[in-house]
Amino acid sequence: MEDPRFRVTIDNFVPGQGWTLWMPTPGPIGSGTRCVVLRTKLSHCSEAFAHYVIAHEFAHAFLRNGPWGEILDVEEAADALAATWGFLRPPASGSL
């Protein structure tokens, strides 16, 4: 949380107009910008799924969108780390 390049924001997409995202420029190697952007449609998902998505995205930021241990795939790595925090991917019930 002390990382000045870390941000959390809500997606402000407007159909036909686009969206804006302000984030710090990348720093030295290994200290790139990390920004978690959450979509407002998470409010239309089940609470368990929304919590999982948020934890998954925080895991990406924590891992700097990289591997975790022996898990090289960044999506699987984020899922695995989120699971250790207690946020397992719920069964599929539609897409975002």
N, C-alpha and C. Protein backbone atom coordinates (compact mmCIF):
# COMPACT_ATOMS: atom_id res chain seq x y z
N MET A 1 0.82 -1.21 0.00
CA MET A 1 0.00 0.00 0.00
C MET A 1 0.86 1.27 0.00
N GLU A 2 2.13 1.12 0.30
CA GLU A 2 3.02 2.28 0.30
C GLU A 2 3.59 2.57 -1.09
N ASP A 3 3.28 1.74 -2.07
CA ASP A 3 3.81 1.90 -3.41
C ASP A 3 3.10 3.07 -4.11
N PRO A 4 3.81 4.15 -4.45
CA PRO A 4 3.16 5.29 -5.08
C PRO A 4 2.64 4.99 -6.49
N ARG A 5 3.04 3.87 -7.06
CA ARG A 5 2.57 3.51 -8.40
C ARG A 5 1.37 2.56 -8.36
N PHE A 6 0.85 2.28 -7.17
CA PHE A 6 -0.30 1.39 -7.03
C PHE A 6 -1.57 2.21 -6.94
N ARG A 7 -2.59 1.86 -7.72
CA ARG A 7 -3.87 2.56 -7.72
C ARG A 7 -5.02 1.55 -7.81
N VAL A 8 -6.14 1.93 -7.25
CA VAL A 8 -7.39 1.18 -7.43
C VAL A 8 -8.40 2.21 -7.91
N THR A 9 -9.13 1.87 -8.96
CA THR A 9 -10.11 2.81 -9.50
C THR A 9 -11.30 2.04 -10.05
N ILE A 10 -12.38 2.74 -10.27
CA ILE A 10 -13.59 2.18 -10.87
C ILE A 10 -13.60 2.59 -12.34
N ASP A 11 -13.88 1.63 -13.22
CA ASP A 11 -13.98 1.88 -14.65
C ASP A 11 -15.05 2.93 -14.91
N ASN A 12 -14.72 3.92 -15.72
CA ASN A 12 -15.70 4.98 -16.02
C ASN A 12 -16.11 4.96 -17.49
N PHE A 13 -16.17 3.78 -18.08
CA PHE A 13 -16.53 3.63 -19.49
C PHE A 13 -17.93 4.17 -19.76
N VAL A 14 -18.05 4.96 -20.83
CA VAL A 14 -19.34 5.47 -21.30
C VAL A 14 -19.46 5.05 -22.76
N PRO A 15 -20.49 4.24 -23.11
CA PRO A 15 -20.64 3.82 -24.50
C PRO A 15 -20.66 5.01 -25.45
N GLY A 16 -19.92 4.90 -26.52
CA GLY A 16 -19.85 5.96 -27.51
C GLY A 16 -18.87 7.06 -27.17
N GLN A 17 -18.38 7.09 -25.94
CA GLN A 17 -17.43 8.13 -25.53
C GLN A 17 -16.08 7.57 -25.12
N GLY A 18 -16.05 6.33 -24.64
CA GLY A 18 -14.80 5.72 -24.19
C GLY A 18 -14.61 5.88 -22.70
N TRP A 19 -13.34 5.88 -22.27
CA TRP A 19 -13.04 5.99 -20.85
C TRP A 19 -11.67 6.60 -20.65
N THR A 20 -11.42 7.04 -19.44
CA THR A 20 -10.11 7.60 -19.10
C THR A 20 -9.54 6.82 -17.93
N LEU A 21 -8.22 6.75 -17.90
CA LEU A 21 -7.54 6.08 -16.82
C LEU A 21 -6.26 6.85 -16.53
N TRP A 22 -6.15 7.38 -15.33
CA TRP A 22 -4.95 8.09 -14.91
C TRP A 22 -4.12 7.18 -14.03
N MET A 23 -2.86 7.01 -14.41
CA MET A 23 -1.97 6.21 -13.59
C MET A 23 -0.55 6.73 -13.73
N PRO A 24 0.26 6.52 -12.70
CA PRO A 24 1.64 7.01 -12.75
C PRO A 24 2.44 6.34 -13.86
N THR A 25 3.45 7.03 -14.35
CA THR A 25 4.33 6.43 -15.34
C THR A 25 5.17 5.35 -14.69
N PRO A 26 5.58 4.35 -15.47
CA PRO A 26 6.41 3.29 -14.90
C PRO A 26 7.73 3.84 -14.36
N GLY A 27 8.22 3.20 -13.32
CA GLY A 27 9.49 3.58 -12.73
C GLY A 27 10.60 2.68 -13.23
N PRO A 28 11.64 2.53 -12.44
CA PRO A 28 12.75 1.66 -12.83
C PRO A 28 12.29 0.21 -13.01
N ILE A 29 13.10 -0.59 -13.66
CA ILE A 29 12.79 -2.00 -13.88
C ILE A 29 12.36 -2.63 -12.55
N GLY A 30 11.25 -3.36 -12.59
CA GLY A 30 10.75 -4.03 -11.40
C GLY A 30 9.83 -3.17 -10.55
N SER A 31 9.62 -1.92 -10.96
CA SER A 31 8.71 -1.06 -10.17
C SER A 31 7.70 -0.38 -11.09
N GLY A 32 7.20 -1.13 -12.06
CA GLY A 32 6.23 -0.58 -13.00
C GLY A 32 4.93 -0.20 -12.32
N THR A 33 4.10 0.51 -13.05
CA THR A 33 2.80 0.92 -12.57
C THR A 33 1.92 -0.30 -12.33
N ARG A 34 1.16 -0.26 -11.24
CA ARG A 34 0.20 -1.32 -10.94
C ARG A 34 -1.13 -0.66 -10.66
N CYS A 35 -2.13 -0.98 -11.46
CA CYS A 35 -3.43 -0.36 -11.31
C CYS A 35 -4.52 -1.42 -11.41
N VAL A 36 -5.37 -1.47 -10.41
CA VAL A 36 -6.52 -2.37 -10.41
C VAL A 36 -7.72 -1.54 -10.83
N VAL A 37 -8.33 -1.92 -11.96
CA VAL A 37 -9.52 -1.21 -12.46
C VAL A 37 -10.70 -2.15 -12.31
N LEU A 38 -11.68 -1.74 -11.54
CA LEU A 38 -12.87 -2.57 -11.28
C LEU A 38 -14.04 -2.04 -12.09
N ARG A 39 -14.79 -2.94 -12.66
CA ARG A 39 -15.96 -2.56 -13.46
C ARG A 39 -17.19 -2.43 -12.57
N THR A 40 -18.02 -1.46 -12.89
CA THR A 40 -19.24 -1.24 -12.10
C THR A 40 -20.20 -2.41 -12.22
N LYS A 41 -20.12 -3.20 -13.30
CA LYS A 41 -21.04 -4.33 -13.44
C LYS A 41 -20.75 -5.44 -12.44
N LEU A 42 -19.67 -5.32 -11.67
CA LEU A 42 -19.46 -6.27 -10.58
C LEU A 42 -20.62 -6.21 -9.58
N SER A 43 -21.29 -5.07 -9.52
CA SER A 43 -22.42 -4.93 -8.59
C SER A 43 -23.61 -5.78 -9.02
N HIS A 44 -23.59 -6.28 -10.26
CA HIS A 44 -24.68 -7.12 -10.76
C HIS A 44 -24.36 -8.61 -10.65
N CYS A 45 -23.18 -8.94 -10.15
CA CYS A 45 -22.76 -10.34 -10.00
C CYS A 45 -23.07 -10.81 -8.58
N SER A 46 -22.94 -12.11 -8.39
CA SER A 46 -23.08 -12.61 -7.03
C SER A 46 -21.95 -12.04 -6.18
N GLU A 47 -22.18 -11.92 -4.90
CA GLU A 47 -21.16 -11.39 -3.99
C GLU A 47 -19.89 -12.24 -4.03
N ALA A 48 -20.05 -13.56 -4.06
CA ALA A 48 -18.89 -14.46 -4.09
C ALA A 48 -18.06 -14.24 -5.35
N PHE A 49 -18.73 -14.07 -6.50
CA PHE A 49 -18.00 -13.86 -7.74
C PHE A 49 -17.31 -12.50 -7.74
N ALA A 50 -17.99 -11.47 -7.26
CA ALA A 50 -17.38 -10.14 -7.21
C ALA A 50 -16.15 -10.15 -6.30
N HIS A 51 -16.25 -10.81 -5.15
CA HIS A 51 -15.10 -10.89 -4.24
C HIS A 51 -13.94 -11.63 -4.89
N TYR A 52 -14.27 -12.72 -5.60
CA TYR A 52 -13.23 -13.47 -6.31
C TYR A 52 -12.53 -12.58 -7.35
N VAL A 53 -13.30 -11.88 -8.17
CA VAL A 53 -12.72 -11.02 -9.21
C VAL A 53 -11.82 -9.96 -8.59
N ILE A 54 -12.28 -9.33 -7.53
CA ILE A 54 -11.47 -8.29 -6.87
C ILE A 54 -10.17 -8.90 -6.33
N ALA A 55 -10.26 -10.05 -5.66
CA ALA A 55 -9.06 -10.70 -5.14
C ALA A 55 -8.13 -11.11 -6.28
N HIS A 56 -8.68 -11.62 -7.36
CA HIS A 56 -7.89 -12.03 -8.52
C HIS A 56 -7.12 -10.83 -9.09
N GLU A 57 -7.79 -9.70 -9.21
CA GLU A 57 -7.14 -8.50 -9.76
C GLU A 57 -6.08 -7.95 -8.80
N PHE A 58 -6.35 -8.00 -7.49
CA PHE A 58 -5.33 -7.60 -6.52
C PHE A 58 -4.13 -8.54 -6.58
N ALA A 59 -4.38 -9.83 -6.83
CA ALA A 59 -3.29 -10.79 -6.96
C ALA A 59 -2.42 -10.45 -8.16
N HIS A 60 -3.05 -10.07 -9.29
CA HIS A 60 -2.26 -9.61 -10.44
C HIS A 60 -1.35 -8.44 -10.05
N ALA A 61 -1.90 -7.48 -9.33
CA ALA A 61 -1.10 -6.32 -8.92
C ALA A 61 0.03 -6.74 -7.99
N PHE A 62 -0.27 -7.59 -7.04
CA PHE A 62 0.74 -8.06 -6.09
C PHE A 62 1.88 -8.78 -6.81
N LEU A 63 1.50 -9.60 -7.79
CA LEU A 63 2.48 -10.39 -8.54
C LEU A 63 3.09 -9.60 -9.70
N ARG A 64 2.67 -8.35 -9.85
CA ARG A 64 3.11 -7.52 -10.98
C ARG A 64 2.85 -8.24 -12.30
N ASN A 65 1.68 -8.87 -12.35
CA ASN A 65 1.20 -9.60 -13.52
C ASN A 65 2.20 -10.65 -13.98
N GLY A 66 2.83 -11.29 -13.01
CA GLY A 66 3.82 -12.32 -13.33
C GLY A 66 3.46 -13.66 -12.73
N PRO A 67 4.39 -14.59 -12.75
CA PRO A 67 4.16 -15.93 -12.21
C PRO A 67 4.14 -15.93 -10.68
N TRP A 68 3.72 -17.05 -10.14
CA TRP A 68 3.74 -17.24 -8.68
C TRP A 68 4.32 -18.61 -8.41
N GLY A 69 5.48 -18.64 -7.82
CA GLY A 69 6.15 -19.92 -7.58
C GLY A 69 6.38 -20.63 -8.90
N GLU A 70 5.91 -21.86 -8.97
CA GLU A 70 6.09 -22.65 -10.19
C GLU A 70 4.95 -22.44 -11.19
N ILE A 71 3.97 -21.61 -10.85
CA ILE A 71 2.85 -21.35 -11.76
C ILE A 71 3.24 -20.20 -12.68
N LEU A 72 3.48 -20.52 -13.94
CA LEU A 72 3.99 -19.53 -14.88
C LEU A 72 2.89 -18.75 -15.60
N ASP A 73 1.73 -19.37 -15.80
CA ASP A 73 0.62 -18.68 -16.46
C ASP A 73 0.09 -17.60 -15.51
N VAL A 74 0.05 -16.34 -15.96
CA VAL A 74 -0.31 -15.24 -15.06
C VAL A 74 -1.74 -15.32 -14.54
N GLU A 75 -2.67 -15.86 -15.36
CA GLU A 75 -4.05 -15.99 -14.89
C GLU A 75 -4.16 -17.08 -13.84
N GLU A 76 -3.50 -18.20 -14.07
CA GLU A 76 -3.51 -19.28 -13.08
C GLU A 76 -2.80 -18.84 -11.80
N ALA A 77 -1.73 -18.06 -11.95
CA ALA A 77 -1.00 -17.57 -10.78
C ALA A 77 -1.90 -16.66 -9.94
N ALA A 78 -2.63 -15.75 -10.60
CA ALA A 78 -3.53 -14.85 -9.86
C ALA A 78 -4.64 -15.65 -9.18
N ASP A 79 -5.19 -16.65 -9.87
CA ASP A 79 -6.22 -17.50 -9.26
C ASP A 79 -5.67 -18.22 -8.04
N ALA A 80 -4.47 -18.78 -8.17
CA ALA A 80 -3.88 -19.54 -7.06
C ALA A 80 -3.61 -18.65 -5.86
N LEU A 81 -3.08 -17.47 -6.08
CA LEU A 81 -2.81 -16.56 -4.96
C LEU A 81 -4.12 -16.11 -4.32
N ALA A 82 -5.11 -15.74 -5.12
CA ALA A 82 -6.41 -15.34 -4.58
C ALA A 82 -7.01 -16.48 -3.73
N ALA A 83 -6.82 -17.71 -4.17
CA ALA A 83 -7.34 -18.87 -3.43
C ALA A 83 -6.68 -18.98 -2.06
N THR A 84 -5.37 -18.67 -1.98
CA THR A 84 -4.71 -18.74 -0.67
C THR A 84 -5.22 -17.66 0.26
N TRP A 85 -5.79 -16.60 -0.30
CA TRP A 85 -6.39 -15.53 0.50
C TRP A 85 -7.83 -15.87 0.88
N GLY A 86 -8.34 -17.02 0.39
CA GLY A 86 -9.69 -17.46 0.72
C GLY A 86 -10.73 -17.13 -0.33
N PHE A 87 -10.30 -16.75 -1.53
CA PHE A 87 -11.24 -16.37 -2.59
C PHE A 87 -11.09 -17.32 -3.77
N LEU A 88 -11.82 -18.43 -3.69
CA LEU A 88 -11.81 -19.41 -4.77
C LEU A 88 -12.73 -18.96 -5.89
N ARG A 89 -12.39 -19.35 -7.11
CA ARG A 89 -13.25 -19.03 -8.24
C ARG A 89 -14.56 -19.79 -8.12
N PRO A 90 -15.69 -19.09 -8.06
CA PRO A 90 -16.97 -19.79 -7.94
C PRO A 90 -17.33 -20.49 -9.26
N PRO A 91 -18.24 -21.45 -9.22
CA PRO A 91 -18.69 -22.10 -10.46
C PRO A 91 -19.22 -21.06 -11.42
N ALA A 92 -19.04 -21.27 -12.71
CA ALA A 92 -19.49 -20.33 -13.74
C ALA A 92 -20.99 -20.11 -13.66
N SER A 93 -21.38 -18.85 -13.72
CA SER A 93 -22.82 -18.52 -13.72
C SER A 93 -23.08 -17.36 -14.66
N GLY A 94 -22.33 -17.30 -15.74
CA GLY A 94 -22.46 -16.19 -16.68
C GLY A 94 -21.14 -15.44 -16.73
N SER A 95 -21.03 -14.58 -17.70
CA SER A 95 -19.77 -13.84 -17.86
C SER A 95 -19.96 -12.37 -17.54
N LEU A 96 -18.83 -11.73 -17.30
CA LEU A 96 -18.85 -10.28 -17.05
C LEU A 96 -18.90 -9.60 -18.36
